[in-house]
Amino acid sequence: MARVLVVDDAMFIRHIIGDLLKQHGHEVVGEAANGQEAVDRYRELKPDVTTLDITMPEKDGITALREILQGDPSAKVIMCSALKEKPKVLEALQAGARDYILKPVKPERVLEAVEKVLL
């Protein structure tokens, strides 16, 4: 079981991911709707895993990822985005994301990503 922070500017995506994780025994310790909230909530909650959208208001996910990793280099962050552009995927992974999920999210892919980063 992991303590998870779910970050997405779309509330319905946060609910889909959060409900799925709860159904499979994980604890959703918090949610955030933008990149700045993501950084603040991460520092406050210290989750085991964070799912982080790339395209968000105030601060994008890649900038938030870099700030989270600056404060905690061992952070386990899974990027989640509808962007299928290879450069954004590579940028997120090079910045330190542990995995990447494309929207619309597939339940088995979300669970696989969480299990993978927990190893």
PDB file of N, CA and C in Angstrom:
ATOM      1  N   MET A   1       0.836  -1.197   0.000  1.00  0.00           N
ATOM      2  CA  MET A   1       0.000   0.000   0.000  1.00  0.00           C
ATOM      3  C   MET A   1       0.875   1.252   0.000  1.00  0.00           C
ATOM      4  N   ALA A   2       0.499   2.208  -0.790  1.00  0.00           N
ATOM      5  CA  ALA A   2       1.253   3.459  -0.881  1.00  0.00           C
ATOM      6  C   ALA A   2       0.384   4.637  -0.466  1.00  0.00           C
ATOM      7  N   ARG A   3       1.052   5.662   0.047  1.00  0.00           N
ATOM      8  CA  ARG A   3       0.401   6.946   0.314  1.00  0.00           C
ATOM      9  C   ARG A   3       0.618   7.785  -0.939  1.00  0.00           C
ATOM     10  N   VAL A   4      -0.491   8.214  -1.578  1.00  0.00           N
ATOM     11  CA  VAL A   4      -0.395   8.853  -2.894  1.00  0.00           C
ATOM     12  C   VAL A   4      -0.969  10.265  -2.881  1.00  0.00           C
ATOM     13  N   LEU A   5      -0.269  11.167  -3.559  1.00  0.00           N
ATOM     14  CA  LEU A   5      -0.747  12.522  -3.830  1.00  0.00           C
ATOM     15  C   LEU A   5      -1.153  12.551  -5.303  1.00  0.00           C
ATOM     16  N   VAL A   6      -2.393  12.956  -5.573  1.00  0.00           N
ATOM     17  CA  VAL A   6      -2.917  12.984  -6.944  1.00  0.00           C
ATOM     18  C   VAL A   6      -3.043  14.440  -7.395  1.00  0.00           C
ATOM     19  N   VAL A   7      -2.345  14.779  -8.488  1.00  0.00           N
ATOM     20  CA  VAL A   7      -2.313  16.161  -8.964  1.00  0.00           C
ATOM     21  C   VAL A   7      -2.811  16.241 -10.410  1.00  0.00           C
ATOM     22  N   ASP A   8      -3.878  17.005 -10.608  1.00  0.00           N
ATOM     23  CA  ASP A   8      -4.410  17.248 -11.951  1.00  0.00           C
ATOM     24  C   ASP A   8      -5.324  18.458 -11.859  1.00  0.00           C
ATOM     25  N   ASP A   9      -5.333  19.304 -12.891  1.00  0.00           N
ATOM     26  CA  ASP A   9      -6.212  20.467 -12.847  1.00  0.00           C
ATOM     27  C   ASP A   9      -7.670  20.076 -13.076  1.00  0.00           C
ATOM     28  N   ALA A  10      -7.929  18.883 -13.589  1.00  0.00           N
ATOM     29  CA  ALA A  10      -9.302  18.420 -13.798  1.00  0.00           C
ATOM     30  C   ALA A  10      -9.751  17.562 -12.613  1.00  0.00           C
ATOM     31  N   MET A  11     -10.767  18.037 -11.901  1.00  0.00           N
ATOM     32  CA  MET A  11     -11.238  17.335 -10.723  1.00  0.00           C
ATOM     33  C   MET A  11     -11.661  15.898 -11.045  1.00  0.00           C
ATOM     34  N   PHE A  12     -12.329  15.701 -12.199  1.00  0.00           N
ATOM     35  CA  PHE A  12     -12.801  14.363 -12.526  1.00  0.00           C
ATOM     36  C   PHE A  12     -11.643  13.383 -12.724  1.00  0.00           C
ATOM     37  N   ILE A  13     -10.507  13.852 -13.230  1.00  0.00           N
ATOM     38  CA  ILE A  13      -9.329  12.983 -13.378  1.00  0.00           C
ATOM     39  C   ILE A  13      -8.776  12.634 -11.995  1.00  0.00           C
ATOM     40  N   ARG A  14      -8.726  13.627 -11.092  1.00  0.00           N
ATOM     41  CA  ARG A  14      -8.269  13.347  -9.722  1.00  0.00           C
ATOM     42  C   ARG A  14      -9.154  12.279  -9.083  1.00  0.00           C
ATOM     43  N   HIS A  15     -10.462  12.378  -9.316  1.00  0.00           N
ATOM     44  CA  HIS A  15     -11.398  11.407  -8.736  1.00  0.00           C
ATOM     45  C   HIS A  15     -11.213  10.021  -9.341  1.00  0.00           C
ATOM     46  N   ILE A  16     -11.057   9.953 -10.668  1.00  0.00           N
ATOM     47  CA  ILE A  16     -10.859   8.657 -11.330  1.00  0.00           C
ATOM     48  C   ILE A  16      -9.609   7.967 -10.787  1.00  0.00           C
ATOM     49  N   ILE A  17      -8.497   8.676 -10.773  1.00  0.00           N
ATOM     50  CA  ILE A  17      -7.239   8.096 -10.302  1.00  0.00           C
ATOM     51  C   ILE A  17      -7.333   7.776  -8.812  1.00  0.00           C
ATOM     52  N   GLY A  18      -7.848   8.720  -8.031  1.00  0.00           N
ATOM     53  CA  GLY A  18      -7.964   8.517  -6.583  1.00  0.00           C
ATOM     54  C   GLY A  18      -8.841   7.332  -6.225  1.00  0.00           C
ATOM     55  N   ASP A  19     -10.008   7.235  -6.853  1.00  0.00           N
ATOM     56  CA  ASP A  19     -10.918   6.119  -6.573  1.00  0.00           C
ATOM     57  C   ASP A  19     -10.284   4.789  -6.959  1.00  0.00           C
ATOM     58  N   LEU A  20      -9.627   4.748  -8.092  1.00  0.00           N
ATOM     59  CA  LEU A  20      -8.968   3.528  -8.545  1.00  0.00           C
ATOM     60  C   LEU A  20      -7.909   3.076  -7.536  1.00  0.00           C
ATOM     61  N   LEU A  21      -7.089   4.009  -7.093  1.00  0.00           N
ATOM     62  CA  LEU A  21      -6.028   3.669  -6.144  1.00  0.00           C
ATOM     63  C   LEU A  21      -6.608   3.190  -4.812  1.00  0.00           C
ATOM     64  N   LYS A  22      -7.654   3.856  -4.339  1.00  0.00           N
ATOM     65  CA  LYS A  22      -8.303   3.447  -3.083  1.00  0.00           C
ATOM     66  C   LYS A  22      -8.872   2.039  -3.206  1.00  0.00           C
ATOM     67  N   GLN A  23      -9.497   1.730  -4.343  1.00  0.00           N
ATOM     68  CA  GLN A  23     -10.073   0.399  -4.558  1.00  0.00           C
ATOM     69  C   GLN A  23      -9.009  -0.691  -4.520  1.00  0.00           C
ATOM     70  N   HIS A  24      -7.770  -0.322  -4.784  1.00  0.00           N
ATOM     71  CA  HIS A  24      -6.683  -1.302  -4.803  1.00  0.00           C
ATOM     72  C   HIS A  24      -5.764  -1.171  -3.579  1.00  0.00           C
ATOM     73  N   GLY A  25      -6.299  -0.607  -2.511  1.00  0.00           N
ATOM     74  CA  GLY A  25      -5.602  -0.622  -1.226  1.00  0.00           C
ATOM     75  C   GLY A  25      -4.651   0.514  -0.945  1.00  0.00           C
ATOM     76  N   HIS A  26      -4.548   1.463  -1.846  1.00  0.00           N
ATOM     77  CA  HIS A  26      -3.657   2.601  -1.605  1.00  0.00           C
ATOM     78  C   HIS A  26      -4.418   3.702  -0.871  1.00  0.00           C
ATOM     79  N   GLU A  27      -3.680   4.569  -0.206  1.00  0.00           N
ATOM     80  CA  GLU A  27      -4.279   5.688   0.525  1.00  0.00           C
ATOM     81  C   GLU A  27      -3.989   6.984  -0.222  1.00  0.00           C
ATOM     82  N   VAL A  28      -5.029   7.693  -0.624  1.00  0.00           N
ATOM     83  CA  VAL A  28      -4.846   8.997  -1.261  1.00  0.00           C
ATOM     84  C   VAL A  28      -4.767  10.021  -0.125  1.00  0.00           C
ATOM     85  N   VAL A  29      -3.560  10.526   0.111  1.00  0.00           N
ATOM     86  CA  VAL A  29      -3.342  11.431   1.241  1.00  0.00           C
ATOM     87  C   VAL A  29      -3.635  12.878   0.899  1.00  0.00           C
ATOM     88  N   GLY A  30      -3.755  13.182  -0.410  1.00  0.00           N
ATOM     89  CA  GLY A  30      -4.049  14.549  -0.787  1.00  0.00           C
ATOM     90  C   GLY A  30      -4.223  14.696  -2.281  1.00  0.00           C
ATOM     91  N   GLU A  31      -4.734  15.864  -2.657  1.00  0.00           N
ATOM     92  CA  GLU A  31      -4.929  16.220  -4.058  1.00  0.00           C
ATOM     93  C   GLU A  31      -4.449  17.652  -4.245  1.00  0.00           C
ATOM     94  N   ALA A  32      -4.119  17.968  -5.497  1.00  0.00           N
ATOM     95  CA  ALA A  32      -3.760  19.342  -5.844  1.00  0.00           C
ATOM     96  C   ALA A  32      -4.241  19.610  -7.265  1.00  0.00           C
ATOM     97  N   ALA A  33      -4.572  20.874  -7.537  1.00  0.00           N
ATOM     98  CA  ALA A  33      -5.149  21.242  -8.830  1.00  0.00           C
ATOM     99  C   ALA A  33      -4.207  22.044  -9.723  1.00  0.00           C
ATOM    100  N   ASN A  34      -3.021  22.388  -9.216  1.00  0.00           N
ATOM    101  CA  ASN A  34      -2.048  23.093 -10.049  1.00  0.00           C
ATOM    102  C   ASN A  34      -0.638  22.793  -9.540  1.00  0.00           C
ATOM    103  N   GLY A  35       0.347  23.218 -10.318  1.00  0.00           N
ATOM    104  CA  GLY A  35       1.730  22.896 -10.002  1.00  0.00           C
ATOM    105  C   GLY A  35       2.221  23.456  -8.682  1.00  0.00           C
ATOM    106  N   GLN A  36       1.825  24.669  -8.337  1.00  0.00           N
ATOM    107  CA  GLN A  36       2.265  25.244  -7.068  1.00  0.00           C
ATOM    108  C   GLN A  36       1.667  24.474  -5.895  1.00  0.00           C
ATOM    109  N   GLU A  37       0.372  24.154  -5.996  1.00  0.00           N
ATOM    110  CA  GLU A  37      -0.260  23.333  -4.949  1.00  0.00           C
ATOM    111  C   GLU A  37       0.440  21.990  -4.836  1.00  0.00           C
ATOM    112  N   ALA A  38       0.840  21.416  -5.967  1.00  0.00           N
ATOM    113  CA  ALA A  38       1.520  20.117  -5.969  1.00  0.00           C
ATOM    114  C   ALA A  38       2.798  20.176  -5.137  1.00  0.00           C
ATOM    115  N   VAL A  39       3.601  21.205  -5.364  1.00  0.00           N
ATOM    116  CA  VAL A  39       4.854  21.359  -4.622  1.00  0.00           C
ATOM    117  C   VAL A  39       4.567  21.547  -3.132  1.00  0.00           C
ATOM    118  N   ASP A  40       3.618  22.417  -2.809  1.00  0.00           N
ATOM    119  CA  ASP A  40       3.276  22.688  -1.409  1.00  0.00           C
ATOM    120  C   ASP A  40       2.738  21.441  -0.711  1.00  0.00           C
ATOM    121  N   ARG A  41       1.815  20.735  -1.366  1.00  0.00           N
ATOM    122  CA  ARG A  41       1.210  19.529  -0.780  1.00  0.00           C
ATOM    123  C   ARG A  41       2.250  18.419  -0.639  1.00  0.00           C
ATOM    124  N   TYR A  42       3.164  18.308  -1.604  1.00  0.00           N
ATOM    125  CA  TYR A  42       4.210  17.291  -1.507  1.00  0.00           C
ATOM    126  C   TYR A  42       5.064  17.544  -0.262  1.00  0.00           C
ATOM    127  N   ARG A  43       5.484  18.785  -0.101  1.00  0.00           N
ATOM    128  CA  ARG A  43       6.336  19.119   1.052  1.00  0.00           C
ATOM    129  C   ARG A  43       5.614  18.860   2.369  1.00  0.00           C
ATOM    130  N   GLU A  44       4.319  19.135   2.393  1.00  0.00           N
ATOM    131  CA  GLU A  44       3.508  18.963   3.596  1.00  0.00           C
ATOM    132  C   GLU A  44       3.239  17.486   3.896  1.00  0.00           C
ATOM    133  N   LEU A  45       2.912  16.704   2.865  1.00  0.00           N
ATOM    134  CA  LEU A  45       2.429  15.335   3.062  1.00  0.00           C
ATOM    135  C   LEU A  45       3.494  14.248   2.915  1.00  0.00           C
ATOM    136  N   LYS A  46       4.573  14.515   2.190  1.00  0.00           N
ATOM    137  CA  LYS A  46       5.624  13.524   1.925  1.00  0.00           C
ATOM    138  C   LYS A  46       5.034  12.180   1.481  1.00  0.00           C
ATOM    139  N   PRO A  47       4.284  12.161   0.368  1.00  0.00           N
ATOM    140  CA  PRO A  47       3.673  10.910  -0.093  1.00  0.00           C
ATOM    141  C   PRO A  47       4.718   9.920  -0.610  1.00  0.00           C
ATOM    142  N   ASP A  48       4.330   8.649  -0.693  1.00  0.00           N
ATOM    143  CA  ASP A  48       5.213   7.624  -1.263  1.00  0.00           C
ATOM    144  C   ASP A  48       5.290   7.775  -2.778  1.00  0.00           C
ATOM    145  N   VAL A  49       4.155   8.157  -3.383  1.00  0.00           N
ATOM    146  CA  VAL A  49       4.052   8.301  -4.838  1.00  0.00           C
ATOM    147  C   VAL A  49       3.205   9.531  -5.145  1.00  0.00           C
ATOM    148  N   THR A  50       3.566  10.231  -6.221  1.00  0.00           N
ATOM    149  CA  THR A  50       2.773  11.370  -6.686  1.00  0.00           C
ATOM    150  C   THR A  50       2.448  11.163  -8.156  1.00  0.00           C
ATOM    151  N   THR A  51       1.148  11.312  -8.519  1.00  0.00           N
ATOM    152  CA  THR A  51       0.794  11.363  -9.935  1.00  0.00           C
ATOM    153  C   THR A  51       0.662  12.844 -10.266  1.00  0.00           C
ATOM    154  N   LEU A  52       1.288  13.259 -11.362  1.00  0.00           N
ATOM    155  CA  LEU A  52       1.424  14.686 -11.641  1.00  0.00           C
ATOM    156  C   LEU A  52       1.116  14.990 -13.105  1.00  0.00           C
ATOM    157  N   ASP A  53       0.081  15.780 -13.325  1.00  0.00           N
ATOM    158  CA  ASP A  53      -0.290  16.200 -14.682  1.00  0.00           C
ATOM    159  C   ASP A  53       0.779  17.157 -15.212  1.00  0.00           C
ATOM    160  N   ILE A  54       0.987  17.157 -16.518  1.00  0.00           N
ATOM    161  CA  ILE A  54       1.982  18.075 -17.093  1.00  0.00           C
ATOM    162  C   ILE A  54       1.401  19.456 -17.340  1.00  0.00           C
ATOM    163  N   THR A  55       0.229  19.531 -17.961  1.00  0.00           N
ATOM    164  CA  THR A  55      -0.332  20.823 -18.339  1.00  0.00           C
ATOM    165  C   THR A  55      -1.308  21.306 -17.274  1.00  0.00           C
ATOM    166  N   MET A  56      -0.881  22.303 -16.506  1.00  0.00           N
ATOM    167  CA  MET A  56      -1.703  22.847 -15.416  1.00  0.00           C
ATOM    168  C   MET A  56      -1.481  24.346 -15.302  1.00  0.00           C
ATOM    169  N   PRO A  57      -2.440  25.038 -14.669  1.00  0.00           N
ATOM    170  CA  PRO A  57      -2.255  26.480 -14.444  1.00  0.00           C
ATOM    171  C   PRO A  57      -1.236  26.753 -13.344  1.00  0.00           C
ATOM    172  N   GLU A  58      -0.781  27.979 -13.301  1.00  0.00           N
ATOM    173  CA  GLU A  58       0.149  28.518 -12.303  1.00  0.00           C
ATOM    174  C   GLU A  58       1.571  27.995 -12.436  1.00  0.00           C
ATOM    175  N   LYS A  59       1.714  26.669 -12.551  1.00  0.00           N
ATOM    176  CA  LYS A  59       3.037  26.077 -12.703  1.00  0.00           C
ATOM    177  C   LYS A  59       2.820  24.743 -13.393  1.00  0.00           C
ATOM    178  N   ASP A  60       3.529  24.502 -14.488  1.00  0.00           N
ATOM    179  CA  ASP A  60       3.305  23.234 -15.186  1.00  0.00           C
ATOM    180  C   ASP A  60       3.919  22.066 -14.417  1.00  0.00           C
ATOM    181  N   GLY A  61       3.546  20.867 -14.805  1.00  0.00           N
ATOM    182  CA  GLY A  61       3.977  19.676 -14.080  1.00  0.00           C
ATOM    183  C   GLY A  61       5.468  19.433 -14.112  1.00  0.00           C
ATOM    184  N   ILE A  62       6.124  19.775 -15.218  1.00  0.00           N
ATOM    185  CA  ILE A  62       7.569  19.546 -15.297  1.00  0.00           C
ATOM    186  C   ILE A  62       8.314  20.497 -14.360  1.00  0.00           C
ATOM    187  N   THR A  63       7.862  21.738 -14.275  1.00  0.00           N
ATOM    188  CA  THR A  63       8.465  22.680 -13.328  1.00  0.00           C
ATOM    189  C   THR A  63       8.221  22.204 -11.895  1.00  0.00           C
ATOM    190  N   ALA A  64       6.994  21.761 -11.609  1.00  0.00           N
ATOM    191  CA  ALA A  64       6.672  21.245 -10.268  1.00  0.00           C
ATOM    192  C   ALA A  64       7.510  20.007  -9.953  1.00  0.00           C
ATOM    193  N   LEU A  65       7.673  19.119 -10.935  1.00  0.00           N
ATOM    194  CA  LEU A  65       8.497  17.923 -10.752  1.00  0.00           C
ATOM    195  C   LEU A  65       9.914  18.303 -10.339  1.00  0.00           C
ATOM    196  N   ARG A  66      10.490  19.260 -11.052  1.00  0.00           N
ATOM    197  CA  ARG A  66      11.868  19.682 -10.742  1.00  0.00           C
ATOM    198  C   ARG A  66      11.962  20.256  -9.321  1.00  0.00           C
ATOM    199  N   GLU A  67      10.954  21.037  -8.913  1.00  0.00           N
ATOM    200  CA  GLU A  67      10.975  21.617  -7.564  1.00  0.00           C
ATOM    201  C   GLU A  67      10.811  20.542  -6.492  1.00  0.00           C
ATOM    202  N   ILE A  68       9.928  19.573  -6.757  1.00  0.00           N
ATOM    203  CA  ILE A  68       9.740  18.474  -5.808  1.00  0.00           C
ATOM    204  C   ILE A  68      11.048  17.696  -5.652  1.00  0.00           C
ATOM    205  N   LEU A  69      11.689  17.367  -6.769  1.00  0.00           N
ATOM    206  CA  LEU A  69      12.934  16.592  -6.732  1.00  0.00           C
ATOM    207  C   LEU A  69      14.092  17.385  -6.127  1.00  0.00           C
ATOM    208  N   GLN A  70      14.041  18.711  -6.277  1.00  0.00           N
ATOM    209  CA  GLN A  70      15.082  19.538  -5.668  1.00  0.00           C
ATOM    210  C   GLN A  70      15.022  19.401  -4.143  1.00  0.00           C
ATOM    211  N   GLY A  71      13.808  19.356  -3.609  1.00  0.00           N
ATOM    212  CA  GLY A  71      13.635  19.219  -2.167  1.00  0.00           C
ATOM    213  C   GLY A  71      13.737  17.782  -1.682  1.00  0.00           C
ATOM    214  N   ASP A  72      13.436  16.818  -2.548  1.00  0.00           N
ATOM    215  CA  ASP A  72      13.459  15.401  -2.183  1.00  0.00           C
ATOM    216  C   ASP A  72      13.871  14.583  -3.409  1.00  0.00           C
ATOM    217  N   PRO A  73      15.185  14.389  -3.584  1.00  0.00           N
ATOM    218  CA  PRO A  73      15.676  13.672  -4.769  1.00  0.00           C
ATOM    219  C   PRO A  73      15.147  12.240  -4.899  1.00  0.00           C
ATOM    220  N   SER A  74      14.624  11.670  -3.830  1.00  0.00           N
ATOM    221  CA  SER A  74      14.115  10.299  -3.888  1.00  0.00           C
ATOM    222  C   SER A  74      12.616  10.240  -4.200  1.00  0.00           C
ATOM    223  N   ALA A  75      11.996  11.390  -4.479  1.00  0.00           N
ATOM    224  CA  ALA A  75      10.552  11.431  -4.763  1.00  0.00           C
ATOM    225  C   ALA A  75      10.204  10.520  -5.938  1.00  0.00           C
ATOM    226  N   LYS A  76       9.100   9.803  -5.789  1.00  0.00           N
ATOM    227  CA  LYS A  76       8.616   8.909  -6.845  1.00  0.00           C
ATOM    228  C   LYS A  76       7.425   9.582  -7.511  1.00  0.00           C
ATOM    229  N   VAL A  77       7.665  10.136  -8.706  1.00  0.00           N
ATOM    230  CA  VAL A  77       6.640  10.903  -9.416  1.00  0.00           C
ATOM    231  C   VAL A  77       6.312  10.227 -10.746  1.00  0.00           C
ATOM    232  N   ILE A  78       5.006  10.052 -10.977  1.00  0.00           N
ATOM    233  CA  ILE A  78       4.506   9.500 -12.234  1.00  0.00           C
ATOM    234  C   ILE A  78       3.803  10.637 -12.974  1.00  0.00           C
ATOM    235  N   MET A  79       4.282  10.975 -14.160  1.00  0.00           N
ATOM    236  CA  MET A  79       3.659  12.027 -14.942  1.00  0.00           C
ATOM    237  C   MET A  79       2.411  11.477 -15.626  1.00  0.00           C
ATOM    238  N   CYS A  80       1.400  12.334 -15.739  1.00  0.00           N
ATOM    239  CA  CYS A  80       0.131  11.925 -16.319  1.00  0.00           C
ATOM    240  C   CYS A  80      -0.339  13.055 -17.223  1.00  0.00           C
ATOM    241  N   SER A  81      -0.523  12.756 -18.510  1.00  0.00           N
ATOM    242  CA  SER A  81      -0.898  13.834 -19.413  1.00  0.00           C
ATOM    243  C   SER A  81      -1.538  13.326 -20.691  1.00  0.00           C
ATOM    244  N   ALA A  82      -2.331  14.162 -21.293  1.00  0.00           N
ATOM    245  CA  ALA A  82      -2.928  13.849 -22.589  1.00  0.00           C
ATOM    246  C   ALA A  82      -1.943  14.156 -23.710  1.00  0.00           C
ATOM    247  N   LEU A  83      -0.871  14.820 -23.395  1.00  0.00           N
ATOM    248  CA  LEU A  83       0.112  15.169 -24.413  1.00  0.00           C
ATOM    249  C   LEU A  83       0.845  13.925 -24.880  1.00  0.00           C
ATOM    250  N   LYS A  84       0.706  13.630 -26.136  1.00  0.00           N
ATOM    251  CA  LYS A  84       1.381  12.451 -26.662  1.00  0.00           C
ATOM    252  C   LYS A  84       2.687  12.841 -27.356  1.00  0.00           C
ATOM    253  N   GLU A  85       3.111  14.067 -27.163  1.00  0.00           N
ATOM    254  CA  GLU A  85       4.326  14.549 -27.811  1.00  0.00           C
ATOM    255  C   GLU A  85       5.552  13.927 -27.158  1.00  0.00           C
ATOM    256  N   LYS A  86       6.352  13.298 -27.963  1.00  0.00           N
ATOM    257  CA  LYS A  86       7.546  12.628 -27.460  1.00  0.00           C
ATOM    258  C   LYS A  86       8.495  13.574 -26.696  1.00  0.00           C
ATOM    259  N   PRO A  87       8.702  14.809 -27.165  1.00  0.00           N
ATOM    260  CA  PRO A  87       9.617  15.685 -26.422  1.00  0.00           C
ATOM    261  C   PRO A  87       9.186  15.930 -24.967  1.00  0.00           C
ATOM    262  N   LYS A  88       7.873  16.064 -24.716  1.00  0.00           N
ATOM    263  CA  LYS A  88       7.399  16.293 -23.340  1.00  0.00           C
ATOM    264  C   LYS A  88       7.605  15.040 -22.483  1.00  0.00           C
ATOM    265  N   VAL A  89       7.361  13.870 -23.079  1.00  0.00           N
ATOM    266  CA  VAL A  89       7.591  12.609 -22.361  1.00  0.00           C
ATOM    267  C   VAL A  89       9.065  12.519 -21.977  1.00  0.00           C
ATOM    268  N   LEU A  90       9.937  12.754 -22.948  1.00  0.00           N
ATOM    269  CA  LEU A  90      11.375  12.675 -22.686  1.00  0.00           C
ATOM    270  C   LEU A  90      11.822  13.716 -21.676  1.00  0.00           C
ATOM    271  N   GLU A  91      11.294  14.929 -21.793  1.00  0.00           N
ATOM    272  CA  GLU A  91      11.667  15.997 -20.856  1.00  0.00           C
ATOM    273  C   GLU A  91      11.290  15.608 -19.432  1.00  0.00           C
ATOM    274  N   ALA A  92      10.083  15.058 -19.247  1.00  0.00           N
ATOM    275  CA  ALA A  92       9.630  14.644 -17.912  1.00  0.00           C
ATOM    276  C   ALA A  92      10.504  13.521 -17.362  1.00  0.00           C
ATOM    277  N   LEU A  93      10.813  12.540 -18.198  1.00  0.00           N
ATOM    278  CA  LEU A  93      11.640  11.420 -17.746  1.00  0.00           C
ATOM    279  C   LEU A  93      13.067  11.876 -17.457  1.00  0.00           C
ATOM    280  N   GLN A  94      13.615  12.753 -18.304  1.00  0.00           N
ATOM    281  CA  GLN A  94      14.962  13.264 -18.069  1.00  0.00           C
ATOM    282  C   GLN A  94      15.019  14.132 -16.817  1.00  0.00           C
ATOM    283  N   ALA A  95      13.900  14.785 -16.496  1.00  0.00           N
ATOM    284  CA  ALA A  95      13.844  15.630 -15.299  1.00  0.00           C
ATOM    285  C   ALA A  95      13.743  14.785 -14.023  1.00  0.00           C
ATOM    286  N   GLY A  96      13.430  13.496 -14.175  1.00  0.00           N
ATOM    287  CA  GLY A  96      13.402  12.630 -12.996  1.00  0.00           C
ATOM    288  C   GLY A  96      12.105  11.894 -12.734  1.00  0.00           C
ATOM    289  N   ALA A  97      11.109  12.034 -13.616  1.00  0.00           N
ATOM    290  CA  ALA A  97       9.871  11.269 -13.437  1.00  0.00           C
ATOM    291  C   ALA A  97      10.208   9.787 -13.538  1.00  0.00           C
ATOM    292  N   ARG A  98       9.528   8.970 -12.740  1.00  0.00           N
ATOM    293  CA  ARG A  98       9.800   7.529 -12.723  1.00  0.00           C
ATOM    294  C   ARG A  98       9.015   6.772 -13.785  1.00  0.00           C
ATOM    295  N   ASP A  99       7.880   7.349 -14.224  1.00  0.00           N
ATOM    296  CA  ASP A  99       7.058   6.700 -15.232  1.00  0.00           C
ATOM    297  C   ASP A  99       6.131   7.746 -15.834  1.00  0.00           C
ATOM    298  N   TYR A 100       5.348   7.336 -16.825  1.00  0.00           N
ATOM    299  CA  TYR A 100       4.513   8.261 -17.574  1.00  0.00           C
ATOM    300  C   TYR A 100       3.228   7.557 -17.973  1.00  0.00           C
ATOM    301  N   ILE A 101       2.093   8.185 -17.710  1.00  0.00           N
ATOM    302  CA  ILE A 101       0.787   7.631 -18.074  1.00  0.00           C
ATOM    303  C   ILE A 101       0.096   8.601 -19.027  1.00  0.00           C
ATOM    304  N   LEU A 102      -0.458   8.070 -20.098  1.00  0.00           N
ATOM    305  CA  LEU A 102      -1.208   8.910 -21.029  1.00  0.00           C
ATOM    306  C   LEU A 102      -2.698   8.874 -20.708  1.00  0.00           C
ATOM    307  N   LYS A 103      -3.347  10.034 -20.883  1.00  0.00           N
ATOM    308  CA  LYS A 103      -4.803  10.114 -20.742  1.00  0.00           C
ATOM    309  C   LYS A 103      -5.430   9.852 -22.105  1.00  0.00           C
ATOM    310  N   PRO A 104      -6.631   9.290 -22.168  1.00  0.00           N
ATOM    311  CA  PRO A 104      -7.426   8.886 -21.011  1.00  0.00           C
ATOM    312  C   PRO A 104      -6.752   7.730 -20.283  1.00  0.00           C
ATOM    313  N   VAL A 105      -6.759   7.811 -18.953  1.00  0.00           N
ATOM    314  CA  VAL A 105      -6.042   6.822 -18.157  1.00  0.00           C
ATOM    315  C   VAL A 105      -6.722   5.457 -18.245  1.00  0.00           C
ATOM    316  N   LYS A 106      -5.878   4.447 -18.334  1.00  0.00           N
ATOM    317  CA  LYS A 106      -6.355   3.065 -18.319  1.00  0.00           C
ATOM    318  C   LYS A 106      -6.055   2.529 -16.932  1.00  0.00           C
ATOM    319  N   PRO A 107      -7.065   2.010 -16.230  1.00  0.00           N
ATOM    320  CA  PRO A 107      -6.857   1.546 -14.848  1.00  0.00           C
ATOM    321  C   PRO A 107      -5.645   0.631 -14.669  1.00  0.00           C
ATOM    322  N   GLU A 108      -5.484  -0.342 -15.564  1.00  0.00           N
ATOM    323  CA  GLU A 108      -4.369  -1.277 -15.402  1.00  0.00           C
ATOM    324  C   GLU A 108      -3.021  -0.580 -15.549  1.00  0.00           C
ATOM    325  N   ARG A 109      -2.959   0.462 -16.385  1.00  0.00           N
ATOM    326  CA  ARG A 109      -1.702   1.196 -16.585  1.00  0.00           C
ATOM    327  C   ARG A 109      -1.365   2.043 -15.356  1.00  0.00           C
ATOM    328  N   VAL A 110      -2.376   2.643 -14.738  1.00  0.00           N
ATOM    329  CA  VAL A 110      -2.147   3.431 -13.524  1.00  0.00           C
ATOM    330  C   VAL A 110      -1.591   2.521 -12.423  1.00  0.00           C
ATOM    331  N   LEU A 111      -2.242   1.384 -12.220  1.00  0.00           N
ATOM    332  CA  LEU A 111      -1.812   0.448 -11.171  1.00  0.00           C
ATOM    333  C   LEU A 111      -0.415  -0.096 -11.455  1.00  0.00           C
ATOM    334  N   GLU A 112      -0.150  -0.403 -12.719  1.00  0.00           N
ATOM    335  CA  GLU A 112       1.171  -0.900 -13.111  1.00  0.00           C
ATOM    336  C   GLU A 112       2.248   0.138 -12.808  1.00  0.00           C
ATOM    337  N   ALA A 113       1.989   1.395 -13.137  1.00  0.00           N
ATOM    338  CA  ALA A 113       2.956   2.459 -12.897  1.00  0.00           C
ATOM    339  C   ALA A 113       3.246   2.635 -11.408  1.00  0.00           C
ATOM    340  N   VAL A 114       2.183   2.611 -10.591  1.00  0.00           N
ATOM    341  CA  VAL A 114       2.360   2.776  -9.136  1.00  0.00           C
ATOM    342  C   VAL A 114       3.179   1.608  -8.581  1.00  0.00           C
ATOM    343  N   GLU A 115       2.829   0.387  -8.968  1.00  0.00           N
ATOM    344  CA  GLU A 115       3.561  -0.785  -8.483  1.00  0.00           C
ATOM    345  C   GLU A 115       5.031  -0.710  -8.913  1.00  0.00           C
ATOM    346  N   LYS A 116       5.268  -0.290 -10.153  1.00  0.00           N
ATOM    347  CA  LYS A 116       6.627  -0.209 -10.689  1.00  0.00           C
ATOM    348  C   LYS A 116       7.496   0.766  -9.881  1.00  0.00           C
ATOM    349  N   VAL A 117       6.962   1.942  -9.577  1.00  0.00           N
ATOM    350  CA  VAL A 117       7.779   2.936  -8.868  1.00  0.00           C
ATOM    351  C   VAL A 117       7.989   2.587  -7.405  1.00  0.00           C
ATOM    352  N   LEU A 118       7.142   1.724  -6.867  1.00  0.00           N
ATOM    353  CA  LEU A 118       7.302   1.315  -5.466  1.00  0.00           C
ATOM    354  C   LEU A 118       8.393   0.270  -5.274  1.00  0.00           C
ATOM    355  N   LEU A 119       8.812  -0.389  -6.347  1.00  0.00           N
ATOM    356  CA  LEU A 119       9.833  -1.438  -6.251  1.00  0.00           C
ATOM    357  C   LEU A 119      11.178  -0.878  -5.859  1.00  0.00           C
TER     358      LEU A 119
END
